[in-house]
Amino acid sequence: MPPPFSWSKKMTVDVDITIDEKIKHTIKEPSQYKVIVLNDDHTPIDWVIDILKTIFRQSDVTAKDLTMKIHNEGSAIAGIYTYEIAEQKVHEAVTASRERGFPLALTLEAE
């Protein structure tokens, strides 16, 4: 007497797959943005130097030179960063300035 149920049959599938497409990986560097400090008649020079040194990590000499450029030419580039970092630095500088009552203005510009 044969068993009531049996899985004795074998099934094979022969599949031949050919991939003609080649996937290209391109790495794109993130866009860079300039943080520009604008001149105004109310923010003290010492405060601008302090912001450039603490937030933008400029040396003492560079911070003083940039501050004079801002004062004489109307603006100067404080640094060049990716968008997120540039935006954060602008926010930190503006917030610190407003807390002390200074109207320091900064802008972002794509490089």
PDB file of N, CA and C in Angstrom:
ATOM      1  N   MET A   1       0.839  -1.163   0.000  1.00  0.00           N
ATOM      2  CA  MET A   1       0.000   0.000   0.000  1.00  0.00           C
ATOM      3  C   MET A   1       0.896   1.242   0.000  1.00  0.00           C
ATOM      4  N   PRO A   2       0.712   2.173  -0.977  1.00  0.00           N
ATOM      5  CA  PRO A   2       1.539   3.371  -1.063  1.00  0.00           C
ATOM      6  C   PRO A   2       1.145   4.375   0.031  1.00  0.00           C
ATOM      7  N   PRO A   3       2.130   5.256   0.396  1.00  0.00           N
ATOM      8  CA  PRO A   3       1.798   6.280   1.398  1.00  0.00           C
ATOM      9  C   PRO A   3       0.716   7.226   0.874  1.00  0.00           C
ATOM     10  N   PRO A   4      -0.086   7.802   1.771  1.00  0.00           N
ATOM     11  CA  PRO A   4      -1.199   8.621   1.312  1.00  0.00           C
ATOM     12  C   PRO A   4      -0.768   9.895   0.579  1.00  0.00           C
ATOM     13  N   PHE A   5       0.395  10.436   0.935  1.00  0.00           N
ATOM     14  CA  PHE A   5       0.837  11.679   0.278  1.00  0.00           C
ATOM     15  C   PHE A   5       2.357  11.679   0.222  1.00  0.00           C
ATOM     16  N   SER A   6       2.915  12.084  -0.905  1.00  0.00           N
ATOM     17  CA  SER A   6       4.373  12.059  -1.026  1.00  0.00           C
ATOM     18  C   SER A   6       4.842  13.225  -1.896  1.00  0.00           C
ATOM     19  N   TRP A   7       5.978  13.820  -1.509  1.00  0.00           N
ATOM     20  CA  TRP A   7       6.603  14.905  -2.279  1.00  0.00           C
ATOM     21  C   TRP A   7       7.811  14.358  -3.022  1.00  0.00           C
ATOM     22  N   SER A   8       7.640  13.367  -3.724  1.00  0.00           N
ATOM     23  CA  SER A   8       8.774  12.728  -4.377  1.00  0.00           C
ATOM     24  C   SER A   8       9.125  13.347  -5.722  1.00  0.00           C
ATOM     25  N   LYS A   9       8.294  14.177  -6.278  1.00  0.00           N
ATOM     26  CA  LYS A   9       8.605  14.796  -7.559  1.00  0.00           C
ATOM     27  C   LYS A   9       9.531  15.985  -7.352  1.00  0.00           C
ATOM     28  N   LYS A  10      10.501  16.109  -8.206  1.00  0.00           N
ATOM     29  CA  LYS A  10      11.431  17.234  -8.161  1.00  0.00           C
ATOM     30  C   LYS A  10      11.174  18.126  -9.354  1.00  0.00           C
ATOM     31  N   MET A  11      11.257  19.460  -9.081  1.00  0.00           N
ATOM     32  CA  MET A  11      11.036  20.406 -10.151  1.00  0.00           C
ATOM     33  C   MET A  11      12.260  21.293 -10.236  1.00  0.00           C
ATOM     34  N   THR A  12      12.815  21.433 -11.394  1.00  0.00           N
ATOM     35  CA  THR A  12      13.960  22.308 -11.580  1.00  0.00           C
ATOM     36  C   THR A  12      13.610  23.365 -12.608  1.00  0.00           C
ATOM     37  N   VAL A  13      14.134  24.563 -12.335  1.00  0.00           N
ATOM     38  CA  VAL A  13      13.897  25.679 -13.244  1.00  0.00           C
ATOM     39  C   VAL A  13      15.256  26.212 -13.642  1.00  0.00           C
ATOM     40  N   ASP A  14      15.480  26.306 -14.896  1.00  0.00           N
ATOM     41  CA  ASP A  14      16.738  26.836 -15.395  1.00  0.00           C
ATOM     42  C   ASP A  14      16.482  28.257 -15.889  1.00  0.00           C
ATOM     43  N   VAL A  15      17.094  29.240 -15.195  1.00  0.00           N
ATOM     44  CA  VAL A  15      16.880  30.641 -15.537  1.00  0.00           C
ATOM     45  C   VAL A  15      18.225  31.241 -15.934  1.00  0.00           C
ATOM     46  N   ASP A  16      18.218  31.889 -17.053  1.00  0.00           N
ATOM     47  CA  ASP A  16      19.434  32.563 -17.524  1.00  0.00           C
ATOM     48  C   ASP A  16      19.145  34.060 -17.544  1.00  0.00           C
ATOM     49  N   ILE A  17      19.830  34.823 -16.654  1.00  0.00           N
ATOM     50  CA  ILE A  17      19.598  36.262 -16.537  1.00  0.00           C
ATOM     51  C   ILE A  17      20.840  36.984 -17.014  1.00  0.00           C
ATOM     52  N   THR A  18      20.627  37.950 -17.869  1.00  0.00           N
ATOM     53  CA  THR A  18      21.718  38.793 -18.345  1.00  0.00           C
ATOM     54  C   THR A  18      21.344  40.233 -18.057  1.00  0.00           C
ATOM     55  N   ILE A  19      22.262  40.944 -17.397  1.00  0.00           N
ATOM     56  CA  ILE A  19      22.025  42.353 -17.101  1.00  0.00           C
ATOM     57  C   ILE A  19      22.908  43.168 -18.025  1.00  0.00           C
ATOM     58  N   ASP A  20      22.256  43.961 -18.861  1.00  0.00           N
ATOM     59  CA  ASP A  20      22.982  44.780 -19.819  1.00  0.00           C
ATOM     60  C   ASP A  20      23.299  46.167 -19.272  1.00  0.00           C
ATOM     61  N   GLU A  21      22.561  46.575 -18.270  1.00  0.00           N
ATOM     62  CA  GLU A  21      22.758  47.922 -17.734  1.00  0.00           C
ATOM     63  C   GLU A  21      23.938  47.944 -16.782  1.00  0.00           C
ATOM     64  N   LYS A  22      24.640  49.036 -16.822  1.00  0.00           N
ATOM     65  CA  LYS A  22      25.708  49.258 -15.856  1.00  0.00           C
ATOM     66  C   LYS A  22      25.296  50.445 -15.004  1.00  0.00           C
ATOM     67  N   ILE A  23      25.405  50.279 -13.728  1.00  0.00           N
ATOM     68  CA  ILE A  23      25.019  51.349 -12.820  1.00  0.00           C
ATOM     69  C   ILE A  23      26.238  52.217 -12.564  1.00  0.00           C
ATOM     70  N   LYS A  24      26.077  53.482 -12.822  1.00  0.00           N
ATOM     71  CA  LYS A  24      27.164  54.419 -12.579  1.00  0.00           C
ATOM     72  C   LYS A  24      26.906  55.160 -11.285  1.00  0.00           C
ATOM     73  N   HIS A  25      27.910  55.189 -10.444  1.00  0.00           N
ATOM     74  CA  HIS A  25      27.821  55.935  -9.199  1.00  0.00           C
ATOM     75  C   HIS A  25      28.576  57.236  -9.377  1.00  0.00           C
ATOM     76  N   THR A  26      27.853  58.313  -9.269  1.00  0.00           N
ATOM     77  CA  THR A  26      28.512  59.609  -9.340  1.00  0.00           C
ATOM     78  C   THR A  26      28.373  60.279  -7.985  1.00  0.00           C
ATOM     79  N   ILE A  27      29.473  60.741  -7.499  1.00  0.00           N
ATOM     80  CA  ILE A  27      29.480  61.420  -6.212  1.00  0.00           C
ATOM     81  C   ILE A  27      29.576  62.910  -6.479  1.00  0.00           C
ATOM     82  N   LYS A  28      28.595  63.625  -5.964  1.00  0.00           N
ATOM     83  CA  LYS A  28      28.566  65.062  -6.160  1.00  0.00           C
ATOM     84  C   LYS A  28      28.929  65.736  -4.843  1.00  0.00           C
ATOM     85  N   GLU A  29      29.902  66.598  -4.898  1.00  0.00           N
ATOM     86  CA  GLU A  29      30.292  67.349  -3.711  1.00  0.00           C
ATOM     87  C   GLU A  29      29.160  68.300  -3.334  1.00  0.00           C
ATOM     88  N   PRO A  30      28.931  68.498  -2.043  1.00  0.00           N
ATOM     89  CA  PRO A  30      27.863  69.423  -1.649  1.00  0.00           C
ATOM     90  C   PRO A  30      28.185  70.860  -2.068  1.00  0.00           C
ATOM     91  N   SER A  31      27.143  71.599  -2.379  1.00  0.00           N
ATOM     92  CA  SER A  31      27.321  73.002  -2.760  1.00  0.00           C
ATOM     93  C   SER A  31      27.897  73.792  -1.596  1.00  0.00           C
ATOM     94  N   GLN A  32      28.691  74.781  -1.926  1.00  0.00           N
ATOM     95  CA  GLN A  32      29.314  75.619  -0.918  1.00  0.00           C
ATOM     96  C   GLN A  32      28.636  76.995  -0.910  1.00  0.00           C
ATOM     97  N   TYR A  33      28.557  77.574   0.278  1.00  0.00           N
ATOM     98  CA  TYR A  33      27.931  78.881   0.440  1.00  0.00           C
ATOM     99  C   TYR A  33      28.858  79.817   1.201  1.00  0.00           C
ATOM    100  N   LYS A  34      28.891  81.062   0.735  1.00  0.00           N
ATOM    101  CA  LYS A  34      29.680  82.092   1.409  1.00  0.00           C
ATOM    102  C   LYS A  34      28.812  82.755   2.466  1.00  0.00           C
ATOM    103  N   VAL A  35      29.378  82.918   3.651  1.00  0.00           N
ATOM    104  CA  VAL A  35      28.706  83.692   4.702  1.00  0.00           C
ATOM    105  C   VAL A  35      29.298  85.092   4.630  1.00  0.00           C
ATOM    106  N   ILE A  36      28.449  86.064   4.354  1.00  0.00           N
ATOM    107  CA  ILE A  36      28.894  87.443   4.165  1.00  0.00           C
ATOM    108  C   ILE A  36      28.384  88.294   5.326  1.00  0.00           C
ATOM    109  N   VAL A  37      29.314  89.001   5.956  1.00  0.00           N
ATOM    110  CA  VAL A  37      28.966  89.913   7.052  1.00  0.00           C
ATOM    111  C   VAL A  37      28.803  91.305   6.446  1.00  0.00           C
ATOM    112  N   LEU A  38      27.691  91.950   6.770  1.00  0.00           N
ATOM    113  CA  LEU A  38      27.386  93.280   6.224  1.00  0.00           C
ATOM    114  C   LEU A  38      27.695  94.371   7.248  1.00  0.00           C
ATOM    115  N   ASN A  39      28.109  95.504   6.748  1.00  0.00           N
ATOM    116  CA  ASN A  39      28.438  96.643   7.607  1.00  0.00           C
ATOM    117  C   ASN A  39      27.165  97.339   8.085  1.00  0.00           C
ATOM    118  N   ASP A  40      27.212  97.841   9.302  1.00  0.00           N
ATOM    119  CA  ASP A  40      26.162  98.727   9.801  1.00  0.00           C
ATOM    120  C   ASP A  40      26.832  99.754  10.712  1.00  0.00           C
ATOM    121  N   ASP A  41      26.108 100.803  11.038  1.00  0.00           N
ATOM    122  CA  ASP A  41      26.680 101.892  11.835  1.00  0.00           C
ATOM    123  C   ASP A  41      26.501 101.710  13.338  1.00  0.00           C
ATOM    124  N   HIS A  42      25.912 100.596  13.777  1.00  0.00           N
ATOM    125  CA  HIS A  42      25.584 100.454  15.189  1.00  0.00           C
ATOM    126  C   HIS A  42      26.306  99.309  15.895  1.00  0.00           C
ATOM    127  N   THR A  43      26.763  98.317  15.172  1.00  0.00           N
ATOM    128  CA  THR A  43      27.461  97.190  15.790  1.00  0.00           C
ATOM    129  C   THR A  43      28.919  97.567  16.027  1.00  0.00           C
ATOM    130  N   PRO A  44      29.406  97.456  17.266  1.00  0.00           N
ATOM    131  CA  PRO A  44      30.800  97.822  17.554  1.00  0.00           C
ATOM    132  C   PRO A  44      31.812  96.914  16.840  1.00  0.00           C
ATOM    133  N   ILE A  45      32.924  97.497  16.456  1.00  0.00           N
ATOM    134  CA  ILE A  45      33.983  96.757  15.772  1.00  0.00           C
ATOM    135  C   ILE A  45      34.478  95.599  16.638  1.00  0.00           C
ATOM    136  N   ASP A  46      34.602  95.828  17.934  1.00  0.00           N
ATOM    137  CA  ASP A  46      35.072  94.760  18.831  1.00  0.00           C
ATOM    138  C   ASP A  46      34.130  93.563  18.819  1.00  0.00           C
ATOM    139  N   TRP A  47      32.827  93.821  18.703  1.00  0.00           N
ATOM    140  CA  TRP A  47      31.871  92.722  18.661  1.00  0.00           C
ATOM    141  C   TRP A  47      32.023  91.921  17.368  1.00  0.00           C
ATOM    142  N   VAL A  48      32.205  92.602  16.245  1.00  0.00           N
ATOM    143  CA  VAL A  48      32.385  91.917  14.956  1.00  0.00           C
ATOM    144  C   VAL A  48      33.648  91.050  15.014  1.00  0.00           C
ATOM    145  N   ILE A  49      34.724  91.575  15.568  1.00  0.00           N
ATOM    146  CA  ILE A  49      35.965  90.802  15.710  1.00  0.00           C
ATOM    147  C   ILE A  49      35.703  89.565  16.564  1.00  0.00           C
ATOM    148  N   ASP A  50      34.972  89.743  17.663  1.00  0.00           N
ATOM    149  CA  ASP A  50      34.672  88.623  18.554  1.00  0.00           C
ATOM    150  C   ASP A  50      33.849  87.550  17.844  1.00  0.00           C
ATOM    151  N   ILE A  51      32.840  87.958  17.091  1.00  0.00           N
ATOM    152  CA  ILE A  51      32.015  87.006  16.327  1.00  0.00           C
ATOM    153  C   ILE A  51      32.875  86.246  15.321  1.00  0.00           C
ATOM    154  N   LEU A  52      33.724  86.958  14.613  1.00  0.00           N
ATOM    155  CA  LEU A  52      34.583  86.307  13.613  1.00  0.00           C
ATOM    156  C   LEU A  52      35.536  85.301  14.261  1.00  0.00           C
ATOM    157  N   LYS A  53      36.004  85.604  15.438  1.00  0.00           N
ATOM    158  CA  LYS A  53      36.932  84.705  16.126  1.00  0.00           C
ATOM    159  C   LYS A  53      36.215  83.501  16.740  1.00  0.00           C
ATOM    160  N   THR A  54      35.092  83.731  17.398  1.00  0.00           N
ATOM    161  CA  THR A  54      34.433  82.644  18.129  1.00  0.00           C
ATOM    162  C   THR A  54      33.559  81.759  17.244  1.00  0.00           C
ATOM    163  N   ILE A  55      32.735  82.346  16.416  1.00  0.00           N
ATOM    164  CA  ILE A  55      31.805  81.558  15.607  1.00  0.00           C
ATOM    165  C   ILE A  55      32.444  81.076  14.309  1.00  0.00           C
ATOM    166  N   PHE A  56      33.238  81.946  13.675  1.00  0.00           N
ATOM    167  CA  PHE A  56      33.820  81.590  12.381  1.00  0.00           C
ATOM    168  C   PHE A  56      35.262  81.098  12.479  1.00  0.00           C
ATOM    169  N   ARG A  57      35.775  81.009  13.702  1.00  0.00           N
ATOM    170  CA  ARG A  57      37.103  80.451  13.979  1.00  0.00           C
ATOM    171  C   ARG A  57      38.232  81.135  13.204  1.00  0.00           C
ATOM    172  N   GLN A  58      38.136  82.445  13.063  1.00  0.00           N
ATOM    173  CA  GLN A  58      39.196  83.217  12.409  1.00  0.00           C
ATOM    174  C   GLN A  58      40.264  83.564  13.444  1.00  0.00           C
ATOM    175  N   SER A  59      41.491  83.694  12.974  1.00  0.00           N
ATOM    176  CA  SER A  59      42.564  84.113  13.882  1.00  0.00           C
ATOM    177  C   SER A  59      42.357  85.585  14.251  1.00  0.00           C
ATOM    178  N   ASP A  60      43.068  86.050  15.257  1.00  0.00           N
ATOM    179  CA  ASP A  60      42.951  87.432  15.713  1.00  0.00           C
ATOM    180  C   ASP A  60      43.268  88.409  14.573  1.00  0.00           C
ATOM    181  N   VAL A  61      44.353  88.153  13.868  1.00  0.00           N
ATOM    182  CA  VAL A  61      44.777  89.041  12.771  1.00  0.00           C
ATOM    183  C   VAL A  61      43.762  89.018  11.633  1.00  0.00           C
ATOM    184  N   THR A  62      43.319  87.827  11.245  1.00  0.00           N
ATOM    185  CA  THR A  62      42.352  87.711  10.157  1.00  0.00           C
ATOM    186  C   THR A  62      41.029  88.369  10.531  1.00  0.00           C
ATOM    187  N   ALA A  63      40.586  88.173  11.769  1.00  0.00           N
ATOM    188  CA  ALA A  63      39.330  88.786  12.224  1.00  0.00           C
ATOM    189  C   ALA A  63      39.407  90.308  12.159  1.00  0.00           C
ATOM    190  N   LYS A  64      40.539  90.871  12.574  1.00  0.00           N
ATOM    191  CA  LYS A  64      40.709  92.328  12.512  1.00  0.00           C
ATOM    192  C   LYS A  64      40.736  92.814  11.072  1.00  0.00           C
ATOM    193  N   ASP A  65      41.442  92.089  10.197  1.00  0.00           N
ATOM    194  CA  ASP A  65      41.499  92.470   8.777  1.00  0.00           C
ATOM    195  C   ASP A  65      40.121  92.401   8.123  1.00  0.00           C
ATOM    196  N   LEU A  66      39.369  91.335   8.405  1.00  0.00           N
ATOM    197  CA  LEU A  66      38.025  91.209   7.841  1.00  0.00           C
ATOM    198  C   LEU A  66      37.100  92.303   8.356  1.00  0.00           C
ATOM    199  N   THR A  67      37.222  92.629   9.635  1.00  0.00           N
ATOM    200  CA  THR A  67      36.385  93.686  10.211  1.00  0.00           C
ATOM    201  C   THR A  67      36.658  95.025   9.536  1.00  0.00           C
ATOM    202  N   MET A  68      37.913  95.329   9.274  1.00  0.00           N
ATOM    203  CA  MET A  68      38.240  96.579   8.582  1.00  0.00           C
ATOM    204  C   MET A  68      37.716  96.556   7.144  1.00  0.00           C
ATOM    205  N   LYS A  69      37.759  95.389   6.505  1.00  0.00           N
ATOM    206  CA  LYS A  69      37.214  95.270   5.146  1.00  0.00           C
ATOM    207  C   LYS A  69      35.696  95.484   5.177  1.00  0.00           C
ATOM    208  N   ILE A  70      35.032  94.911   6.166  1.00  0.00           N
ATOM    209  CA  ILE A  70      33.587  95.113   6.314  1.00  0.00           C
ATOM    210  C   ILE A  70      33.288  96.595   6.507  1.00  0.00           C
ATOM    211  N   HIS A  71      34.057  97.233   7.361  1.00  0.00           N
ATOM    212  CA  HIS A  71      33.855  98.652   7.663  1.00  0.00           C
ATOM    213  C   HIS A  71      34.110  99.535   6.435  1.00  0.00           C
ATOM    214  N   ASN A  72      35.174  99.262   5.703  1.00  0.00           N
ATOM    215  CA  ASN A  72      35.559 100.117   4.567  1.00  0.00           C
ATOM    216  C   ASN A  72      34.828  99.792   3.272  1.00  0.00           C
ATOM    217  N   GLU A  73      34.549  98.513   3.026  1.00  0.00           N
ATOM    218  CA  GLU A  73      33.952  98.119   1.743  1.00  0.00           C
ATOM    219  C   GLU A  73      32.474  97.750   1.836  1.00  0.00           C
ATOM    220  N   GLY A  74      31.957  97.627   3.040  1.00  0.00           N
ATOM    221  CA  GLY A  74      30.535  97.333   3.202  1.00  0.00           C
ATOM    222  C   GLY A  74      30.216  95.879   3.494  1.00  0.00           C
ATOM    223  N   SER A  75      31.137  94.962   3.171  1.00  0.00           N
ATOM    224  CA  SER A  75      30.904  93.549   3.467  1.00  0.00           C
ATOM    225  C   SER A  75      32.197  92.771   3.281  1.00  0.00           C
ATOM    226  N   ALA A  76      32.208  91.552   3.822  1.00  0.00           N
ATOM    227  CA  ALA A  76      33.347  90.647   3.651  1.00  0.00           C
ATOM    228  C   ALA A  76      32.868  89.222   3.894  1.00  0.00           C
ATOM    229  N   ILE A  77      33.579  88.279   3.318  1.00  0.00           N
ATOM    230  CA  ILE A  77      33.249  86.867   3.479  1.00  0.00           C
ATOM    231  C   ILE A  77      33.880  86.360   4.773  1.00  0.00           C
ATOM    232  N   ALA A  78      33.036  85.871   5.685  1.00  0.00           N
ATOM    233  CA  ALA A  78      33.520  85.338   6.962  1.00  0.00           C
ATOM    234  C   ALA A  78      33.987  83.897   6.818  1.00  0.00           C
ATOM    235  N   GLY A  79      33.416  83.170   5.858  1.00  0.00           N
ATOM    236  CA  GLY A  79      33.804  81.785   5.632  1.00  0.00           C
ATOM    237  C   GLY A  79      32.962  81.159   4.542  1.00  0.00           C
ATOM    238  N   ILE A  80      33.400  79.987   4.088  1.00  0.00           N
ATOM    239  CA  ILE A  80      32.687  79.245   3.052  1.00  0.00           C
ATOM    240  C   ILE A  80      32.423  77.842   3.594  1.00  0.00           C
ATOM    241  N   TYR A  81      31.134  77.438   3.564  1.00  0.00           N
ATOM    242  CA  TYR A  81      30.715  76.189   4.187  1.00  0.00           C
ATOM    243  C   TYR A  81      29.627  75.530   3.359  1.00  0.00           C
ATOM    244  N   THR A  82      29.268  74.287   3.735  1.00  0.00           N
ATOM    245  CA  THR A  82      28.079  73.674   3.155  1.00  0.00           C
ATOM    246  C   THR A  82      26.872  74.453   3.667  1.00  0.00           C
ATOM    247  N   TYR A  83      25.736  74.286   3.024  1.00  0.00           N
ATOM    248  CA  TYR A  83      24.563  75.092   3.348  1.00  0.00           C
ATOM    249  C   TYR A  83      24.170  74.992   4.814  1.00  0.00           C
ATOM    250  N   GLU A  84      24.091  73.765   5.335  1.00  0.00           N
ATOM    251  CA  GLU A  84      23.634  73.572   6.706  1.00  0.00           C
ATOM    252  C   GLU A  84      24.557  74.254   7.707  1.00  0.00           C
ATOM    253  N   ILE A  85      25.854  74.117   7.505  1.00  0.00           N
ATOM    254  CA  ILE A  85      26.818  74.731   8.419  1.00  0.00           C
ATOM    255  C   ILE A  85      26.779  76.249   8.299  1.00  0.00           C
ATOM    256  N   ALA A  86      26.707  76.762   7.079  1.00  0.00           N
ATOM    257  CA  ALA A  86      26.633  78.209   6.866  1.00  0.00           C
ATOM    258  C   ALA A  86      25.388  78.784   7.529  1.00  0.00           C
ATOM    259  N   GLU A  87      24.268  78.104   7.356  1.00  0.00           N
ATOM    260  CA  GLU A  87      23.019  78.563   7.947  1.00  0.00           C
ATOM    261  C   GLU A  87      23.110  78.576   9.480  1.00  0.00           C
ATOM    262  N   GLN A  88      23.727  77.547  10.053  1.00  0.00           N
ATOM    263  CA  GLN A  88      23.874  77.474  11.503  1.00  0.00           C
ATOM    264  C   GLN A  88      24.754  78.606  12.030  1.00  0.00           C
ATOM    265  N   LYS A  89      25.847  78.897  11.335  1.00  0.00           N
ATOM    266  CA  LYS A  89      26.752  79.956  11.772  1.00  0.00           C
ATOM    267  C   LYS A  89      26.079  81.326  11.684  1.00  0.00           C
ATOM    268  N   VAL A  90      25.310  81.547  10.640  1.00  0.00           N
ATOM    269  CA  VAL A  90      24.559  82.806  10.520  1.00  0.00           C
ATOM    270  C   VAL A  90      23.575  82.925  11.681  1.00  0.00           C
ATOM    271  N   HIS A  91      22.870  81.853  11.965  1.00  0.00           N
ATOM    272  CA  HIS A  91      21.899  81.861  13.060  1.00  0.00           C
ATOM    273  C   HIS A  91      22.590  82.169  14.396  1.00  0.00           C
ATOM    274  N   GLU A  92      23.720  81.520  14.657  1.00  0.00           N
ATOM    275  CA  GLU A  92      24.445  81.760  15.910  1.00  0.00           C
ATOM    276  C   GLU A  92      24.901  83.214  16.021  1.00  0.00           C
ATOM    277  N   ALA A  93      25.447  83.761  14.939  1.00  0.00           N
ATOM    278  CA  ALA A  93      25.953  85.135  14.961  1.00  0.00           C
ATOM    279  C   ALA A  93      24.821  86.146  15.139  1.00  0.00           C
ATOM    280  N   VAL A  94      23.732  85.953  14.432  1.00  0.00           N
ATOM    281  CA  VAL A  94      22.603  86.880  14.527  1.00  0.00           C
ATOM    282  C   VAL A  94      21.961  86.794  15.910  1.00  0.00           C
ATOM    283  N   THR A  95      21.783  85.590  16.427  1.00  0.00           N
ATOM    284  CA  THR A  95      21.177  85.416  17.751  1.00  0.00           C
ATOM    285  C   THR A  95      22.032  86.080  18.836  1.00  0.00           C
ATOM    286  N   ALA A  96      23.339  85.823  18.804  1.00  0.00           N
ATOM    287  CA  ALA A  96      24.234  86.424  19.802  1.00  0.00           C
ATOM    288  C   ALA A  96      24.216  87.945  19.697  1.00  0.00           C
ATOM    289  N   SER A  97      24.180  88.466  18.469  1.00  0.00           N
ATOM    290  CA  SER A  97      24.160  89.919  18.271  1.00  0.00           C
ATOM    291  C   SER A  97      22.860  90.532  18.787  1.00  0.00           C
ATOM    292  N   ARG A  98      21.729  89.887  18.499  1.00  0.00           N
ATOM    293  CA  ARG A  98      20.440  90.416  18.943  1.00  0.00           C
ATOM    294  C   ARG A  98      20.335  90.395  20.467  1.00  0.00           C
ATOM    295  N   GLU A  99      20.906  89.351  21.095  1.00  0.00           N
ATOM    296  CA  GLU A  99      20.870  89.276  22.562  1.00  0.00           C
ATOM    297  C   GLU A  99      21.601  90.449  23.201  1.00  0.00           C
ATOM    298  N   ARG A 100      22.569  91.010  22.481  1.00  0.00           N
ATOM    299  CA  ARG A 100      23.327  92.153  22.998  1.00  0.00           C
ATOM    300  C   ARG A 100      22.838  93.479  22.430  1.00  0.00           C
ATOM    301  N   GLY A 101      21.782  93.420  21.625  1.00  0.00           N
ATOM    302  CA  GLY A 101      21.178  94.634  21.092  1.00  0.00           C
ATOM    303  C   GLY A 101      21.848  95.184  19.838  1.00  0.00           C
ATOM    304  N   PHE A 102      22.624  94.352  19.123  1.00  0.00           N
ATOM    305  CA  PHE A 102      23.312  94.813  17.913  1.00  0.00           C
ATOM    306  C   PHE A 102      22.575  94.321  16.668  1.00  0.00           C
ATOM    307  N   PRO A 103      22.467  95.173  15.638  1.00  0.00           N
ATOM    308  CA  PRO A 103      21.742  94.797  14.419  1.00  0.00           C
ATOM    309  C   PRO A 103      22.619  94.128  13.353  1.00  0.00           C
ATOM    310  N   LEU A 104      23.669  93.433  13.742  1.00  0.00           N
ATOM    311  CA  LEU A 104      24.581  92.804  12.778  1.00  0.00           C
ATOM    312  C   LEU A 104      23.798  91.931  11.806  1.00  0.00           C
ATOM    313  N   ALA A 105      24.075  92.100  10.517  1.00  0.00           N
ATOM    314  CA  ALA A 105      23.377  91.328   9.474  1.00  0.00           C
ATOM    315  C   ALA A 105      24.377  90.494   8.700  1.00  0.00           C
ATOM    316  N   LEU A 106      23.978  89.264   8.387  1.00  0.00           N
ATOM    317  CA  LEU A 106      24.785  88.347   7.595  1.00  0.00           C
ATOM    318  C   LEU A 106      23.904  87.747   6.513  1.00  0.00           C
ATOM    319  N   THR A 107      24.505  87.402   5.407  1.00  0.00           N
ATOM    320  CA  THR A 107      23.762  86.774   4.323  1.00  0.00           C
ATOM    321  C   THR A 107      24.508  85.542   3.835  1.00  0.00           C
ATOM    322  N   LEU A 108      23.805  84.691   3.097  1.00  0.00           N
ATOM    323  CA  LEU A 108      24.385  83.518   2.452  1.00  0.00           C
ATOM    324  C   LEU A 108      24.348  83.741   0.941  1.00  0.00           C
ATOM    325  N   GLU A 109      25.393  83.304   0.276  1.00  0.00           N
ATOM    326  CA  GLU A 109      25.448  83.414  -1.171  1.00  0.00           C
ATOM    327  C   GLU A 109      26.103  82.147  -1.712  1.00  0.00           C
ATOM    328  N   ALA A 110      25.456  81.520  -2.695  1.00  0.00           N
ATOM    329  CA  ALA A 110      26.025  80.325  -3.294  1.00  0.00           C
ATOM    330  C   ALA A 110      27.344  80.665  -3.979  1.00  0.00           C
ATOM    331  N   GLU A 111      28.287  79.749  -3.850  1.00  0.00           N
ATOM    332  CA  GLU A 111      29.584  79.998  -4.454  1.00  0.00           C
ATOM    333  C   GLU A 111      29.586  79.588  -5.907  1.00  0.00           C
TER     334      GLU A 111
END
